[in-house]
Amino acid sequence: MWFSKTHTFALFTLAVYLTKAVAEQTVDYITIRDTLATIGIPLEEGKKYAVEEHWPAGKQCRLGSSHVRLVVGSVVRKRARGVEEKWDFVGQTWEINSDSSRSLVPSADGPPIMLTERDDWKAIGVQKGPSPYVGKGVVRSNLTPTFLRTLSQRYVREHPTYKFAINDSRSYVKDLWEQIKA
């Protein structure tokens, strides 16, 4: 009887420990941590980071490529379920798409660009095959969503039409990254 109670208590303690260890990091945090680890960058609380997120190519993208958006955010500790804290990555997404719905007459240059930003980025989750994420790195510490919006709006003014070969989601992400990297 004594062995059974001790054994049960030990198994219960181990289960609680393992549950807590796994619960201390969100899926978003793990996704960004693992992506940036591939380029040798460890996550630190308070720093801001960027990764590319690739989606299957739609009709707007070059044949054989994918749609790309930039995820920019920072590592934080979040209180969840009472007193438990978790490491999390809170990010925004920035992307451009062609917006043929805004133009009644097709342009020879291509459709106008539509800028999209979202404040509620969530990791795609476990995927079969290659990861849809590509690590970019650390971004400037003073970067704000307002400044990112200004850079993005300037890009759209300077590149008003969506062109597969020279002005698409990839070229936008590349340009934005060059301006915000630390």
N, C-alpha and C. Protein backbone atom coordinates (compact mmCIF):
# COMPACT_ATOMS: atom_id res chain seq x y z
N MET A 1 0.82 -1.20 0.00
CA MET A 1 0.00 0.00 0.00
C MET A 1 0.86 1.26 0.00
N TRP A 2 1.92 1.29 0.80
CA TRP A 2 2.79 2.46 0.88
C TRP A 2 3.44 2.75 -0.48
N PHE A 3 3.95 1.70 -1.16
CA PHE A 3 4.58 1.86 -2.46
C PHE A 3 3.60 2.42 -3.48
N SER A 4 2.39 1.98 -3.45
CA SER A 4 1.39 2.41 -4.41
C SER A 4 1.11 3.91 -4.26
N LYS A 5 0.97 4.40 -3.02
CA LYS A 5 0.71 5.83 -2.79
C LYS A 5 1.92 6.66 -3.22
N THR A 6 3.11 6.22 -2.90
CA THR A 6 4.32 6.95 -3.26
C THR A 6 4.48 6.99 -4.77
N HIS A 7 4.27 5.83 -5.39
CA HIS A 7 4.39 5.74 -6.84
C HIS A 7 3.36 6.65 -7.52
N THR A 8 2.14 6.64 -7.05
CA THR A 8 1.08 7.48 -7.61
C THR A 8 1.43 8.95 -7.45
N PHE A 9 1.91 9.33 -6.28
CA PHE A 9 2.29 10.73 -6.03
C PHE A 9 3.43 11.16 -6.97
N ALA A 10 4.41 10.29 -7.15
CA ALA A 10 5.54 10.61 -8.04
C ALA A 10 5.06 10.80 -9.48
N LEU A 11 4.19 9.93 -9.94
CA LEU A 11 3.66 10.06 -11.29
C LEU A 11 2.83 11.33 -11.44
N PHE A 12 2.05 11.65 -10.43
CA PHE A 12 1.25 12.87 -10.45
C PHE A 12 2.15 14.11 -10.50
N THR A 13 3.20 14.12 -9.67
CA THR A 13 4.15 15.25 -9.64
C THR A 13 4.83 15.41 -10.99
N LEU A 14 5.24 14.31 -11.59
CA LEU A 14 5.88 14.36 -12.91
C LEU A 14 4.91 14.89 -13.96
N ALA A 15 3.67 14.44 -13.92
CA ALA A 15 2.67 14.90 -14.89
C ALA A 15 2.42 16.40 -14.74
N VAL A 16 2.34 16.90 -13.52
CA VAL A 16 2.14 18.33 -13.29
C VAL A 16 3.34 19.11 -13.81
N TYR A 17 4.55 18.63 -13.55
CA TYR A 17 5.77 19.31 -14.01
C TYR A 17 5.81 19.38 -15.53
N LEU A 18 5.53 18.25 -16.20
CA LEU A 18 5.57 18.22 -17.65
C LEU A 18 4.48 19.11 -18.26
N THR A 19 3.30 19.11 -17.68
CA THR A 19 2.22 19.95 -18.16
C THR A 19 2.60 21.42 -18.03
N LYS A 20 3.19 21.79 -16.91
CA LYS A 20 3.59 23.18 -16.69
C LYS A 20 4.71 23.58 -17.65
N ALA A 21 5.68 22.71 -17.87
CA ALA A 21 6.79 23.02 -18.75
C ALA A 21 6.30 23.26 -20.18
N VAL A 22 5.37 22.43 -20.64
CA VAL A 22 4.85 22.59 -21.99
C VAL A 22 3.97 23.83 -22.07
N ALA A 23 3.22 24.12 -21.01
CA ALA A 23 2.28 25.23 -21.03
C ALA A 23 2.95 26.59 -20.89
N GLU A 24 4.25 26.65 -20.63
CA GLU A 24 4.91 27.93 -20.42
C GLU A 24 5.23 28.66 -21.72
N GLN A 25 4.98 28.05 -22.88
CA GLN A 25 5.26 28.70 -24.15
C GLN A 25 4.07 28.50 -25.09
N THR A 26 3.63 29.58 -25.72
CA THR A 26 2.51 29.47 -26.66
C THR A 26 3.02 28.93 -27.99
N VAL A 27 2.10 28.49 -28.82
CA VAL A 27 2.43 27.99 -30.16
C VAL A 27 3.10 29.11 -30.97
N ASP A 28 2.61 30.34 -30.81
CA ASP A 28 3.20 31.47 -31.54
C ASP A 28 4.66 31.67 -31.14
N TYR A 29 4.94 31.61 -29.84
CA TYR A 29 6.31 31.77 -29.35
C TYR A 29 7.21 30.66 -29.89
N ILE A 30 6.74 29.43 -29.80
CA ILE A 30 7.53 28.27 -30.25
C ILE A 30 7.82 28.38 -31.75
N THR A 31 6.82 28.80 -32.53
CA THR A 31 7.00 28.96 -33.97
C THR A 31 8.08 29.97 -34.29
N ILE A 32 8.02 31.13 -33.65
CA ILE A 32 9.01 32.18 -33.91
C ILE A 32 10.38 31.76 -33.37
N ARG A 33 10.40 31.17 -32.18
CA ARG A 33 11.67 30.70 -31.59
C ARG A 33 12.37 29.72 -32.52
N ASP A 34 11.63 28.72 -33.00
CA ASP A 34 12.22 27.70 -33.85
C ASP A 34 12.64 28.26 -35.21
N THR A 35 11.85 29.19 -35.75
CA THR A 35 12.18 29.80 -37.04
C THR A 35 13.46 30.61 -36.94
N LEU A 36 13.57 31.45 -35.92
CA LEU A 36 14.76 32.29 -35.78
C LEU A 36 15.99 31.47 -35.36
N ALA A 37 15.76 30.35 -34.70
CA ALA A 37 16.89 29.48 -34.32
C ALA A 37 17.59 28.94 -35.57
N THR A 38 16.87 28.80 -36.67
CA THR A 38 17.49 28.29 -37.89
C THR A 38 18.52 29.26 -38.46
N ILE A 39 18.45 30.54 -38.06
CA ILE A 39 19.46 31.52 -38.50
C ILE A 39 20.31 32.00 -37.32
N GLY A 40 20.24 31.25 -36.21
CA GLY A 40 21.12 31.52 -35.07
C GLY A 40 20.72 32.68 -34.19
N ILE A 41 19.45 33.03 -34.16
CA ILE A 41 19.00 34.16 -33.33
C ILE A 41 18.12 33.65 -32.20
N PRO A 42 18.58 33.80 -30.94
CA PRO A 42 17.75 33.41 -29.80
C PRO A 42 16.76 34.53 -29.46
N LEU A 43 15.61 34.16 -28.93
CA LEU A 43 14.61 35.16 -28.54
C LEU A 43 14.93 35.75 -27.17
N GLU A 44 14.68 37.03 -27.03
CA GLU A 44 14.85 37.72 -25.76
C GLU A 44 13.61 38.57 -25.50
N GLU A 45 13.19 38.60 -24.25
CA GLU A 45 12.03 39.40 -23.88
C GLU A 45 12.31 40.88 -24.19
N GLY A 46 11.30 41.54 -24.77
CA GLY A 46 11.41 42.96 -25.05
C GLY A 46 11.99 43.30 -26.41
N LYS A 47 12.67 42.37 -27.06
CA LYS A 47 13.20 42.63 -28.41
C LYS A 47 12.11 42.38 -29.44
N LYS A 48 12.29 43.01 -30.60
CA LYS A 48 11.35 42.85 -31.70
C LYS A 48 12.02 42.05 -32.82
N TYR A 49 11.22 41.21 -33.47
CA TYR A 49 11.73 40.30 -34.49
C TYR A 49 10.81 40.31 -35.71
N ALA A 50 11.35 39.79 -36.82
CA ALA A 50 10.56 39.65 -38.03
C ALA A 50 10.83 38.29 -38.67
N VAL A 51 9.77 37.72 -39.24
CA VAL A 51 9.87 36.50 -40.04
C VAL A 51 8.97 36.66 -41.26
N GLU A 52 9.30 35.95 -42.31
CA GLU A 52 8.41 35.88 -43.47
C GLU A 52 7.46 34.71 -43.26
N GLU A 53 6.22 34.90 -43.67
CA GLU A 53 5.24 33.83 -43.64
C GLU A 53 4.79 33.60 -45.09
N HIS A 54 4.99 32.37 -45.57
CA HIS A 54 4.68 32.04 -46.97
C HIS A 54 3.37 31.27 -47.06
N TRP A 55 2.56 31.66 -48.03
CA TRP A 55 1.27 31.01 -48.28
C TRP A 55 1.30 30.43 -49.69
N PRO A 56 0.52 29.38 -49.93
CA PRO A 56 0.47 28.83 -51.30
C PRO A 56 0.13 29.93 -52.30
N ALA A 57 0.78 29.87 -53.46
CA ALA A 57 0.58 30.90 -54.48
C ALA A 57 -0.85 30.90 -54.97
N GLY A 58 -1.39 32.08 -55.06
CA GLY A 58 -2.71 32.26 -55.65
C GLY A 58 -2.54 32.85 -57.04
N LYS A 59 -3.61 33.32 -57.60
CA LYS A 59 -3.52 33.87 -58.95
C LYS A 59 -2.73 35.18 -58.99
N GLN A 60 -2.49 35.79 -57.82
CA GLN A 60 -1.75 37.04 -57.77
C GLN A 60 -0.24 36.84 -57.79
N CYS A 61 0.22 35.63 -57.52
CA CYS A 61 1.65 35.40 -57.34
C CYS A 61 2.30 34.79 -58.57
N ARG A 62 3.62 34.96 -58.64
CA ARG A 62 4.40 34.36 -59.72
C ARG A 62 4.21 32.85 -59.73
N LEU A 63 4.20 32.28 -60.89
CA LEU A 63 4.09 30.83 -61.03
C LEU A 63 5.29 30.19 -60.33
N GLY A 64 5.04 29.21 -59.51
CA GLY A 64 6.11 28.51 -58.81
C GLY A 64 6.58 29.18 -57.53
N SER A 65 5.92 30.25 -57.12
CA SER A 65 6.33 30.91 -55.88
C SER A 65 5.15 30.94 -54.91
N SER A 66 5.32 31.66 -53.83
CA SER A 66 4.26 31.75 -52.83
C SER A 66 3.99 33.20 -52.50
N HIS A 67 2.83 33.43 -51.90
CA HIS A 67 2.51 34.77 -51.39
C HIS A 67 3.28 34.93 -50.09
N VAL A 68 3.81 36.12 -49.84
CA VAL A 68 4.64 36.36 -48.66
C VAL A 68 4.09 37.55 -47.90
N ARG A 69 4.09 37.42 -46.58
CA ARG A 69 3.81 38.57 -45.74
C ARG A 69 4.84 38.61 -44.63
N LEU A 70 5.07 39.80 -44.09
CA LEU A 70 6.05 39.98 -43.03
C LEU A 70 5.33 40.00 -41.70
N VAL A 71 5.83 39.19 -40.76
CA VAL A 71 5.30 39.17 -39.40
C VAL A 71 6.33 39.90 -38.53
N VAL A 72 5.89 40.93 -37.83
CA VAL A 72 6.76 41.73 -36.97
C VAL A 72 6.14 41.77 -35.59
N GLY A 73 6.93 41.47 -34.56
CA GLY A 73 6.38 41.49 -33.21
C GLY A 73 7.46 41.35 -32.16
N SER A 74 7.01 41.13 -30.93
CA SER A 74 7.96 41.04 -29.82
C SER A 74 7.57 39.91 -28.87
N VAL A 75 8.56 39.51 -28.08
CA VAL A 75 8.38 38.46 -27.09
C VAL A 75 7.89 39.11 -25.80
N VAL A 76 6.85 38.53 -25.22
CA VAL A 76 6.28 39.05 -23.97
C VAL A 76 5.95 37.89 -23.04
N ARG A 77 5.79 38.21 -21.77
CA ARG A 77 5.25 37.25 -20.81
C ARG A 77 3.79 37.60 -20.62
N LYS A 78 2.91 36.63 -20.79
CA LYS A 78 1.47 36.85 -20.65
C LYS A 78 0.92 36.04 -19.49
N ARG A 79 0.03 36.67 -18.78
CA ARG A 79 -0.67 35.97 -17.70
C ARG A 79 -1.87 35.25 -18.32
N ALA A 80 -1.95 33.98 -18.06
CA ALA A 80 -3.05 33.19 -18.59
C ALA A 80 -3.57 32.25 -17.51
N ARG A 81 -4.85 32.06 -17.51
CA ARG A 81 -5.48 31.15 -16.52
C ARG A 81 -5.03 31.46 -15.10
N GLY A 82 -5.37 32.64 -14.63
CA GLY A 82 -5.05 33.00 -13.25
C GLY A 82 -3.65 33.52 -13.10
N VAL A 83 -2.81 32.76 -12.39
CA VAL A 83 -1.47 33.24 -12.07
C VAL A 83 -0.38 32.69 -13.00
N GLU A 84 -0.72 31.72 -13.82
CA GLU A 84 0.27 31.11 -14.70
C GLU A 84 0.73 32.11 -15.76
N GLU A 85 2.02 32.16 -16.02
CA GLU A 85 2.55 33.04 -17.05
C GLU A 85 3.10 32.20 -18.19
N LYS A 86 3.00 32.76 -19.41
CA LYS A 86 3.51 32.07 -20.59
C LYS A 86 4.36 33.02 -21.41
N TRP A 87 5.37 32.46 -22.07
CA TRP A 87 6.10 33.21 -23.08
C TRP A 87 5.22 33.25 -24.31
N ASP A 88 5.11 34.42 -24.92
CA ASP A 88 4.27 34.56 -26.12
C ASP A 88 4.98 35.48 -27.12
N PHE A 89 4.57 35.39 -28.35
CA PHE A 89 5.03 36.31 -29.39
C PHE A 89 3.80 37.04 -29.89
N VAL A 90 3.79 38.34 -29.74
CA VAL A 90 2.66 39.16 -30.18
C VAL A 90 3.09 39.87 -31.46
N GLY A 91 2.43 39.55 -32.56
CA GLY A 91 2.87 40.08 -33.83
C GLY A 91 1.78 40.67 -34.69
N GLN A 92 2.22 41.47 -35.63
CA GLN A 92 1.38 42.05 -36.66
C GLN A 92 1.85 41.51 -38.00
N THR A 93 0.94 41.47 -38.96
CA THR A 93 1.32 41.07 -40.31
C THR A 93 1.18 42.24 -41.26
N TRP A 94 2.07 42.29 -42.24
CA TRP A 94 2.10 43.34 -43.24
C TRP A 94 2.24 42.69 -44.60
N GLU A 95 1.35 43.03 -45.52
CA GLU A 95 1.40 42.43 -46.85
C GLU A 95 0.72 43.33 -47.87
N ILE A 96 1.03 43.07 -49.14
CA ILE A 96 0.31 43.72 -50.24
C ILE A 96 -0.31 42.64 -51.11
N ASN A 97 -1.40 43.00 -51.75
CA ASN A 97 -2.08 42.14 -52.71
C ASN A 97 -2.49 42.99 -53.89
N SER A 98 -2.81 42.36 -54.99
CA SER A 98 -3.39 43.12 -56.10
C SER A 98 -4.86 43.33 -55.77
N ASP A 99 -5.36 44.49 -56.10
CA ASP A 99 -6.76 44.81 -55.81
C ASP A 99 -7.46 45.17 -57.11
N SER A 100 -7.76 44.15 -57.91
CA SER A 100 -8.40 44.39 -59.19
C SER A 100 -9.84 44.88 -59.02
N SER A 101 -10.41 44.72 -57.83
CA SER A 101 -11.78 45.18 -57.59
C SER A 101 -11.87 46.70 -57.55
N ARG A 102 -10.73 47.40 -57.30
CA ARG A 102 -10.75 48.87 -57.24
C ARG A 102 -10.65 49.51 -58.61
N SER A 103 -10.36 48.74 -59.62
CA SER A 103 -10.15 49.30 -60.95
C SER A 103 -11.17 48.71 -61.92
N LEU A 104 -12.05 49.57 -62.45
CA LEU A 104 -13.05 49.10 -63.40
C LEU A 104 -12.43 48.85 -64.77
N VAL A 105 -11.39 49.60 -65.09
CA VAL A 105 -10.70 49.43 -66.37
C VAL A 105 -9.32 48.86 -66.09
N PRO A 106 -9.02 47.64 -66.58
CA PRO A 106 -7.71 47.06 -66.33
C PRO A 106 -6.59 47.96 -66.86
N SER A 107 -5.53 48.07 -66.09
CA SER A 107 -4.38 48.89 -66.47
C SER A 107 -3.35 48.00 -67.14
N ALA A 108 -2.65 48.58 -68.12
CA ALA A 108 -1.56 47.84 -68.78
C ALA A 108 -0.42 47.59 -67.80
N ASP A 109 -0.32 48.46 -66.79
CA ASP A 109 0.74 48.33 -65.80
C ASP A 109 0.44 47.24 -64.77
N GLY A 110 -0.81 46.91 -64.58
CA GLY A 110 -1.21 45.94 -63.57
C GLY A 110 -2.26 46.53 -62.65
N PRO A 111 -2.88 45.69 -61.82
CA PRO A 111 -3.92 46.19 -60.91
C PRO A 111 -3.31 47.02 -59.78
N PRO A 112 -4.14 47.88 -59.17
CA PRO A 112 -3.65 48.66 -58.03
C PRO A 112 -3.28 47.74 -56.86
N ILE A 113 -2.46 48.28 -55.96
CA ILE A 113 -2.03 47.53 -54.78
C ILE A 113 -2.96 47.80 -53.61
N MET A 114 -3.24 46.75 -52.86
CA MET A 114 -4.00 46.87 -51.63
C MET A 114 -3.06 46.49 -50.48
N LEU A 115 -2.90 47.39 -49.53
CA LEU A 115 -2.07 47.16 -48.35
C LEU A 115 -2.93 46.57 -47.25
N THR A 116 -2.44 45.50 -46.62
CA THR A 116 -3.17 44.87 -45.52
C THR A 116 -2.28 44.74 -44.31
N GLU A 117 -2.77 45.19 -43.17
CA GLU A 117 -2.08 44.99 -41.90
C GLU A 117 -3.06 44.39 -40.91
N ARG A 118 -2.56 43.48 -40.11
CA ARG A 118 -3.41 42.83 -39.09
C ARG A 118 -2.65 42.81 -37.78
N ASP A 119 -3.39 43.06 -36.71
CA ASP A 119 -2.79 43.10 -35.37
C ASP A 119 -2.85 41.77 -34.63
N ASP A 120 -3.50 40.78 -35.20
CA ASP A 120 -3.78 39.55 -34.45
C ASP A 120 -3.12 38.32 -35.06
N TRP A 121 -1.82 38.40 -35.36
CA TRP A 121 -1.14 37.27 -35.98
C TRP A 121 -1.18 36.04 -35.07
N LYS A 122 -1.44 34.90 -35.68
CA LYS A 122 -1.37 33.61 -35.01
C LYS A 122 -0.62 32.65 -35.92
N ALA A 123 0.21 31.82 -35.33
CA ALA A 123 0.99 30.85 -36.11
C ALA A 123 0.06 29.89 -36.83
N ILE A 124 0.50 29.46 -38.00
CA ILE A 124 -0.27 28.52 -38.80
C ILE A 124 -0.42 27.19 -38.07
N GLY A 125 0.57 26.82 -37.29
CA GLY A 125 0.53 25.56 -36.55
C GLY A 125 1.42 24.52 -37.20
N VAL A 126 1.27 23.30 -36.77
CA VAL A 126 2.11 22.21 -37.27
C VAL A 126 1.74 21.92 -38.72
N GLN A 127 2.74 21.91 -39.56
CA GLN A 127 2.55 21.67 -40.99
C GLN A 127 3.37 20.46 -41.43
N LYS A 128 2.85 19.74 -42.40
CA LYS A 128 3.65 18.68 -43.02
C LYS A 128 4.51 19.34 -44.08
N GLY A 129 5.70 18.85 -44.25
CA GLY A 129 6.58 19.43 -45.26
C GLY A 129 7.39 20.58 -44.70
N PRO A 130 7.94 21.39 -45.60
CA PRO A 130 8.80 22.49 -45.16
C PRO A 130 8.00 23.55 -44.39
N SER A 131 8.68 24.23 -43.49
CA SER A 131 8.03 25.28 -42.69
C SER A 131 7.62 26.44 -43.59
N PRO A 132 6.45 27.04 -43.33
CA PRO A 132 6.04 28.21 -44.10
C PRO A 132 6.73 29.50 -43.62
N TYR A 133 7.64 29.37 -42.65
CA TYR A 133 8.29 30.54 -42.08
C TYR A 133 9.77 30.60 -42.45
N VAL A 134 10.23 31.82 -42.68
CA VAL A 134 11.65 32.06 -42.94
C VAL A 134 12.09 33.17 -42.00
N GLY A 135 13.10 32.90 -41.20
CA GLY A 135 13.59 33.89 -40.25
C GLY A 135 14.25 35.06 -40.93
N LYS A 136 13.93 36.26 -40.49
CA LYS A 136 14.58 37.47 -41.00
C LYS A 136 15.57 37.98 -39.96
N GLY A 137 15.10 38.24 -38.71
CA GLY A 137 16.01 38.69 -37.68
C GLY A 137 15.42 39.71 -36.73
N VAL A 138 16.32 40.43 -36.07
CA VAL A 138 15.93 41.45 -35.07
C VAL A 138 15.61 42.75 -35.82
N VAL A 139 14.56 43.42 -35.38
CA VAL A 139 14.21 44.72 -35.96
C VAL A 139 14.59 45.83 -34.99
N ARG A 140 14.61 47.04 -35.49
CA ARG A 140 14.97 48.20 -34.66
C ARG A 140 14.08 48.28 -33.44
N SER A 141 14.67 48.61 -32.30
CA SER A 141 13.93 48.62 -31.04
C SER A 141 12.89 49.73 -30.97
N ASN A 142 13.08 50.82 -31.70
CA ASN A 142 12.14 51.93 -31.64
C ASN A 142 11.02 51.82 -32.68
N LEU A 143 10.91 50.70 -33.34
CA LEU A 143 9.92 50.50 -34.39
C LEU A 143 8.52 50.47 -33.79
N THR A 144 7.60 51.22 -34.40
CA THR A 144 6.20 51.24 -33.95
C THR A 144 5.30 50.85 -35.12
N PRO A 145 4.08 50.41 -34.82
CA PRO A 145 3.13 50.12 -35.91
C PRO A 145 2.86 51.35 -36.78
N THR A 146 2.86 52.53 -36.18
CA THR A 146 2.63 53.75 -36.96
C THR A 146 3.74 53.95 -37.98
N PHE A 147 4.99 53.73 -37.57
CA PHE A 147 6.11 53.88 -38.49
C PHE A 147 6.06 52.82 -39.59
N LEU A 148 5.71 51.59 -39.23
CA LEU A 148 5.57 50.53 -40.24
C LEU A 148 4.47 50.90 -41.24
N ARG A 149 3.39 51.45 -40.75
CA ARG A 149 2.29 51.86 -41.63
C ARG A 149 2.76 52.97 -42.57
N THR A 150 3.53 53.92 -42.05
CA THR A 150 4.06 55.01 -42.88
C THR A 150 4.97 54.46 -43.97
N LEU A 151 5.88 53.55 -43.60
CA LEU A 151 6.77 52.93 -44.60
C LEU A 151 5.96 52.19 -45.66
N SER A 152 4.94 51.46 -45.22
CA SER A 152 4.12 50.68 -46.14
C SER A 152 3.32 51.57 -47.08
N GLN A 153 2.75 52.64 -46.55
CA GLN A 153 1.98 53.56 -47.38
C GLN A 153 2.89 54.26 -48.40
N ARG A 154 4.11 54.59 -47.98
CA ARG A 154 5.07 55.19 -48.91
C ARG A 154 5.40 54.20 -50.03
N TYR A 155 5.58 52.92 -49.67
CA TYR A 155 5.87 51.90 -50.67
C TYR A 155 4.74 51.83 -51.70
N VAL A 156 3.50 51.85 -51.23
CA VAL A 156 2.36 51.76 -52.14
C VAL A 156 2.29 53.00 -53.03
N ARG A 157 2.59 54.17 -52.49
CA ARG A 157 2.61 55.39 -53.32
C ARG A 157 3.69 55.31 -54.40
N GLU A 158 4.85 54.78 -54.04
CA GLU A 158 5.96 54.69 -54.98
C GLU A 158 5.82 53.53 -55.97
N HIS A 159 5.04 52.51 -55.60
CA HIS A 159 4.82 51.32 -56.44
C HIS A 159 3.32 51.05 -56.49
N PRO A 160 2.54 51.86 -57.20
CA PRO A 160 1.08 51.78 -57.12
C PRO A 160 0.43 50.59 -57.80
N THR A 161 1.16 49.90 -58.68
CA THR A 161 0.55 48.76 -59.37
C THR A 161 1.28 47.47 -59.04
N TYR A 162 0.50 46.40 -59.03
CA TYR A 162 1.01 45.07 -58.70
C TYR A 162 1.52 44.41 -59.97
N LYS A 163 2.81 44.10 -60.01
CA LYS A 163 3.43 43.47 -61.17
C LYS A 163 4.15 42.22 -60.72
N PHE A 164 3.79 41.10 -61.29
CA PHE A 164 4.32 39.82 -60.85
C PHE A 164 5.84 39.76 -60.80
N ALA A 165 6.48 40.22 -61.81
CA ALA A 165 7.93 40.05 -61.90
C ALA A 165 8.74 41.06 -61.08
N ILE A 166 8.19 42.26 -60.85
CA ILE A 166 9.00 43.29 -60.20
C ILE A 166 8.37 43.97 -58.99
N ASN A 167 7.08 43.82 -58.80
CA ASN A 167 6.43 44.48 -57.66
C ASN A 167 5.30 43.61 -57.13
N ASP A 168 5.68 42.66 -56.31
CA ASP A 168 4.69 41.75 -55.74
C ASP A 168 4.92 41.64 -54.24
N SER A 169 4.30 40.67 -53.61
CA SER A 169 4.43 40.54 -52.14
C SER A 169 5.87 40.31 -51.72
N ARG A 170 6.63 39.61 -52.51
CA ARG A 170 8.05 39.36 -52.17
C ARG A 170 8.87 40.66 -52.20
N SER A 171 8.67 41.47 -53.23
CA SER A 171 9.45 42.71 -53.32
C SER A 171 9.06 43.67 -52.21
N TYR A 172 7.78 43.71 -51.83
CA TYR A 172 7.33 44.55 -50.73
C TYR A 172 7.98 44.11 -49.41
N VAL A 173 7.94 42.82 -49.12
CA VAL A 173 8.53 42.31 -47.87
C VAL A 173 10.03 42.57 -47.84
N LYS A 174 10.70 42.37 -48.96
CA LYS A 174 12.14 42.63 -49.02
C LYS A 174 12.44 44.10 -48.74
N ASP A 175 11.69 45.00 -49.37
CA ASP A 175 11.89 46.43 -49.17
C ASP A 175 11.62 46.84 -47.72
N LEU A 176 10.51 46.36 -47.17
CA LEU A 176 10.17 46.70 -45.78
C LEU A 176 11.22 46.18 -44.81
N TRP A 177 11.67 44.94 -45.01
CA TRP A 177 12.69 44.36 -44.13
C TRP A 177 13.98 45.20 -44.15
N GLU A 178 14.41 45.62 -45.31
CA GLU A 178 15.63 46.41 -45.42
C GLU A 178 15.55 47.70 -44.62
N GLN A 179 14.35 48.23 -44.45
CA GLN A 179 14.18 49.51 -43.74
C GLN A 179 14.01 49.35 -42.23
N ILE A 180 13.66 48.16 -41.78
CA ILE A 180 13.37 48.00 -40.34
C ILE A 180 14.37 47.14 -39.60
N LYS A 181 15.26 46.45 -40.30
CA LYS A 181 16.19 45.55 -39.62
C LYS A 181 17.14 46.35 -38.71
N ALA A 182 17.54 45.70 -37.63
CA ALA A 182 18.42 46.36 -36.65
C ALA A 182 19.83 46.46 -37.18
